[in-house]
Amino acid sequence: MKLQAVFNSILVKPKIEEETTYGSIVIPDLGKDKNLTGTIVSVGPGYYSATGQFVSSTLKVGQTVILPQIGPTKIEHEGEEYWGVAENQVIAIINN
């Protein structure tokens, strides 16, 4: 992968949500607030705290995570969409 996360950030590949249909009618998701779900594709090494101590990242590539609706930065790269976000903004990890 050509994109690499830095410091305490992560790059997430969005999970594509399928549209709900009823017969041949597509039911839009208007008005539904949903958290963002995706798979981590790159993790930064970590960051230095105010005291100078290095804090390593705890997340790993391949984990499925839930991100807040507001906060992640949308990144378009080579026709693919990714979200960039600080590691501490991850709401939860989905364990399968």
C-alpha atoms as a PDB file:
ATOM      1  CA  MET A   1       0.000   0.000   0.000  1.00  0.00           C
ATOM      2  CA  LYS A   2       1.326   3.418  -0.928  1.00  0.00           C
ATOM      3  CA  LEU A   3      -0.374   5.292   1.930  1.00  0.00           C
ATOM      4  CA  GLN A   4       1.265   4.973   5.356  1.00  0.00           C
ATOM      5  CA  ALA A   5      -0.184   6.345   8.596  1.00  0.00           C
ATOM      6  CA  VAL A   6       2.139   8.464  10.748  1.00  0.00           C
ATOM      7  CA  PHE A   7       2.422   9.241  14.462  1.00  0.00           C
ATOM      8  CA  ASN A   8      -0.695   7.975  16.294  1.00  0.00           C
ATOM      9  CA  SER A   9      -3.019   7.979  13.282  1.00  0.00           C
ATOM     10  CA  ILE A  10      -4.687   5.105  11.454  1.00  0.00           C
ATOM     11  CA  LEU A  11      -6.079   4.658   7.954  1.00  0.00           C
ATOM     12  CA  VAL A  12      -9.381   2.803   7.660  1.00  0.00           C
ATOM     13  CA  LYS A  13     -10.988   1.290   4.547  1.00  0.00           C
ATOM     14  CA  PRO A  14     -14.761   1.937   4.871  1.00  0.00           C
ATOM     15  CA  LYS A  15     -17.162  -0.973   4.985  1.00  0.00           C
ATOM     16  CA  ILE A  16     -19.659  -0.564   2.154  1.00  0.00           C
ATOM     17  CA  GLU A  17     -23.196  -0.436   3.529  1.00  0.00           C
ATOM     18  CA  GLU A  18     -25.730  -2.150   1.316  1.00  0.00           C
ATOM     19  CA  GLU A  19     -28.967  -0.369   0.540  1.00  0.00           C
ATOM     20  CA  THR A  20     -32.170  -1.780   1.946  1.00  0.00           C
ATOM     21  CA  THR A  21     -34.680  -2.815  -0.694  1.00  0.00           C
ATOM     22  CA  TYR A  22     -38.287  -3.883  -0.586  1.00  0.00           C
ATOM     23  CA  GLY A  23     -38.956  -5.660  -3.838  1.00  0.00           C
ATOM     24  CA  SER A  24     -37.544  -3.306  -6.447  1.00  0.00           C
ATOM     25  CA  ILE A  25     -37.894  -0.204  -4.246  1.00  0.00           C
ATOM     26  CA  VAL A  26     -34.733   1.164  -2.614  1.00  0.00           C
ATOM     27  CA  ILE A  27     -35.338   2.446   0.908  1.00  0.00           C
ATOM     28  CA  PRO A  28     -32.960   5.361   1.652  1.00  0.00           C
ATOM     29  CA  ASP A  29     -31.168   5.692   4.996  1.00  0.00           C
ATOM     30  CA  LEU A  30     -32.104   9.352   5.341  1.00  0.00           C
ATOM     31  CA  GLY A  31     -32.156  10.604   8.894  1.00  0.00           C
ATOM     32  CA  LYS A  32     -30.342   7.602  10.333  1.00  0.00           C
ATOM     33  CA  ASP A  33     -27.220   8.545  12.247  1.00  0.00           C
ATOM     34  CA  LYS A  34     -24.761   5.687  11.988  1.00  0.00           C
ATOM     35  CA  ASN A  35     -21.244   5.348  13.254  1.00  0.00           C
ATOM     36  CA  LEU A  36     -18.657   4.573  10.604  1.00  0.00           C
ATOM     37  CA  THR A  37     -17.344   1.009  10.340  1.00  0.00           C
ATOM     38  CA  GLY A  38     -14.242  -0.131   8.487  1.00  0.00           C
ATOM     39  CA  THR A  39     -11.058  -2.175   8.454  1.00  0.00           C
ATOM     40  CA  ILE A  40      -7.681  -0.752   9.467  1.00  0.00           C
ATOM     41  CA  VAL A  41      -5.213  -0.794   6.544  1.00  0.00           C
ATOM     42  CA  SER A  42      -2.341   1.194   8.098  1.00  0.00           C
ATOM     43  CA  VAL A  43      -1.286   2.102  11.651  1.00  0.00           C
ATOM     44  CA  GLY A  44       1.221   4.768  12.652  1.00  0.00           C
ATOM     45  CA  PRO A  45       4.030   3.740  15.041  1.00  0.00           C
ATOM     46  CA  GLY A  46       2.905   5.960  17.929  1.00  0.00           C
ATOM     47  CA  TYR A  47       3.844   9.327  19.405  1.00  0.00           C
ATOM     48  CA  TYR A  48       6.001  10.988  22.063  1.00  0.00           C
ATOM     49  CA  SER A  49       4.150  12.197  25.158  1.00  0.00           C
ATOM     50  CA  ALA A  50       4.752  15.576  26.804  1.00  0.00           C
ATOM     51  CA  THR A  51       7.307  13.905  29.099  1.00  0.00           C
ATOM     52  CA  GLY A  52       9.258  12.557  26.115  1.00  0.00           C
ATOM     53  CA  GLN A  53       8.189   8.938  26.578  1.00  0.00           C
ATOM     54  CA  PHE A  54       7.254   7.025  23.405  1.00  0.00           C
ATOM     55  CA  VAL A  55       3.684   5.657  23.415  1.00  0.00           C
ATOM     56  CA  SER A  56       3.225   2.793  20.913  1.00  0.00           C
ATOM     57  CA  SER A  57       0.036   2.267  18.932  1.00  0.00           C
ATOM     58  CA  THR A  58      -2.241  -0.477  20.248  1.00  0.00           C
ATOM     59  CA  LEU A  59      -4.354  -1.069  17.130  1.00  0.00           C
ATOM     60  CA  LYS A  60      -3.326  -3.484  14.369  1.00  0.00           C
ATOM     61  CA  VAL A  61      -3.831  -3.738  10.615  1.00  0.00           C
ATOM     62  CA  GLY A  62      -6.840  -5.926   9.782  1.00  0.00           C
ATOM     63  CA  GLN A  63      -8.936  -5.040  12.845  1.00  0.00           C
ATOM     64  CA  THR A  64     -12.509  -3.864  12.214  1.00  0.00           C
ATOM     65  CA  VAL A  65     -13.282  -0.660  14.094  1.00  0.00           C
ATOM     66  CA  ILE A  66     -16.140   1.754  14.708  1.00  0.00           C
ATOM     67  CA  LEU A  67     -15.401   5.462  14.259  1.00  0.00           C
ATOM     68  CA  PRO A  68     -17.494   8.495  15.224  1.00  0.00           C
ATOM     69  CA  GLN A  69     -19.689  10.121  12.568  1.00  0.00           C
ATOM     70  CA  ILE A  70     -17.770  13.394  12.910  1.00  0.00           C
ATOM     71  CA  GLY A  71     -13.996  13.447  13.082  1.00  0.00           C
ATOM     72  CA  PRO A  72     -12.403  11.208  10.442  1.00  0.00           C
ATOM     73  CA  THR A  73     -10.822  12.843   7.409  1.00  0.00           C
ATOM     74  CA  LYS A  74     -11.964  11.436   4.066  1.00  0.00           C
ATOM     75  CA  ILE A  75      -9.019  10.588   1.805  1.00  0.00           C
ATOM     76  CA  GLU A  76      -9.287   9.742  -1.905  1.00  0.00           C
ATOM     77  CA  HIS A  77      -6.233   7.878  -3.242  1.00  0.00           C
ATOM     78  CA  GLU A  78      -5.990   6.104  -6.606  1.00  0.00           C
ATOM     79  CA  GLY A  79      -9.765   5.753  -6.866  1.00  0.00           C
ATOM     80  CA  GLU A  80     -10.130   4.285  -3.367  1.00  0.00           C
ATOM     81  CA  GLU A  81     -11.698   5.966  -0.323  1.00  0.00           C
ATOM     82  CA  TYR A  82     -10.076   5.853   3.121  1.00  0.00           C
ATOM     83  CA  TRP A  83     -10.635   7.597   6.438  1.00  0.00           C
ATOM     84  CA  GLY A  84      -7.760   9.039   8.444  1.00  0.00           C
ATOM     85  CA  VAL A  85      -8.252   9.410  12.169  1.00  0.00           C
ATOM     86  CA  ALA A  86      -6.232   9.629  15.381  1.00  0.00           C
ATOM     87  CA  GLU A  87      -6.004   6.304  17.196  1.00  0.00           C
ATOM     88  CA  ASN A  88      -7.694   7.712  20.320  1.00  0.00           C
ATOM     89  CA  GLN A  89     -10.861   8.561  18.330  1.00  0.00           C
ATOM     90  CA  VAL A  90     -11.712   4.892  17.723  1.00  0.00           C
ATOM     91  CA  ILE A  91     -14.942   4.085  19.566  1.00  0.00           C
ATOM     92  CA  ALA A  92     -14.681   0.284  19.545  1.00  0.00           C
ATOM     93  CA  ILE A  93     -13.023  -2.762  17.972  1.00  0.00           C
ATOM     94  CA  ILE A  94     -15.340  -5.407  16.511  1.00  0.00           C
ATOM     95  CA  ASN A  95     -14.095  -8.894  17.397  1.00  0.00           C
ATOM     96  CA  ASN A  96     -15.366 -11.673  15.133  1.00  0.00           C
END
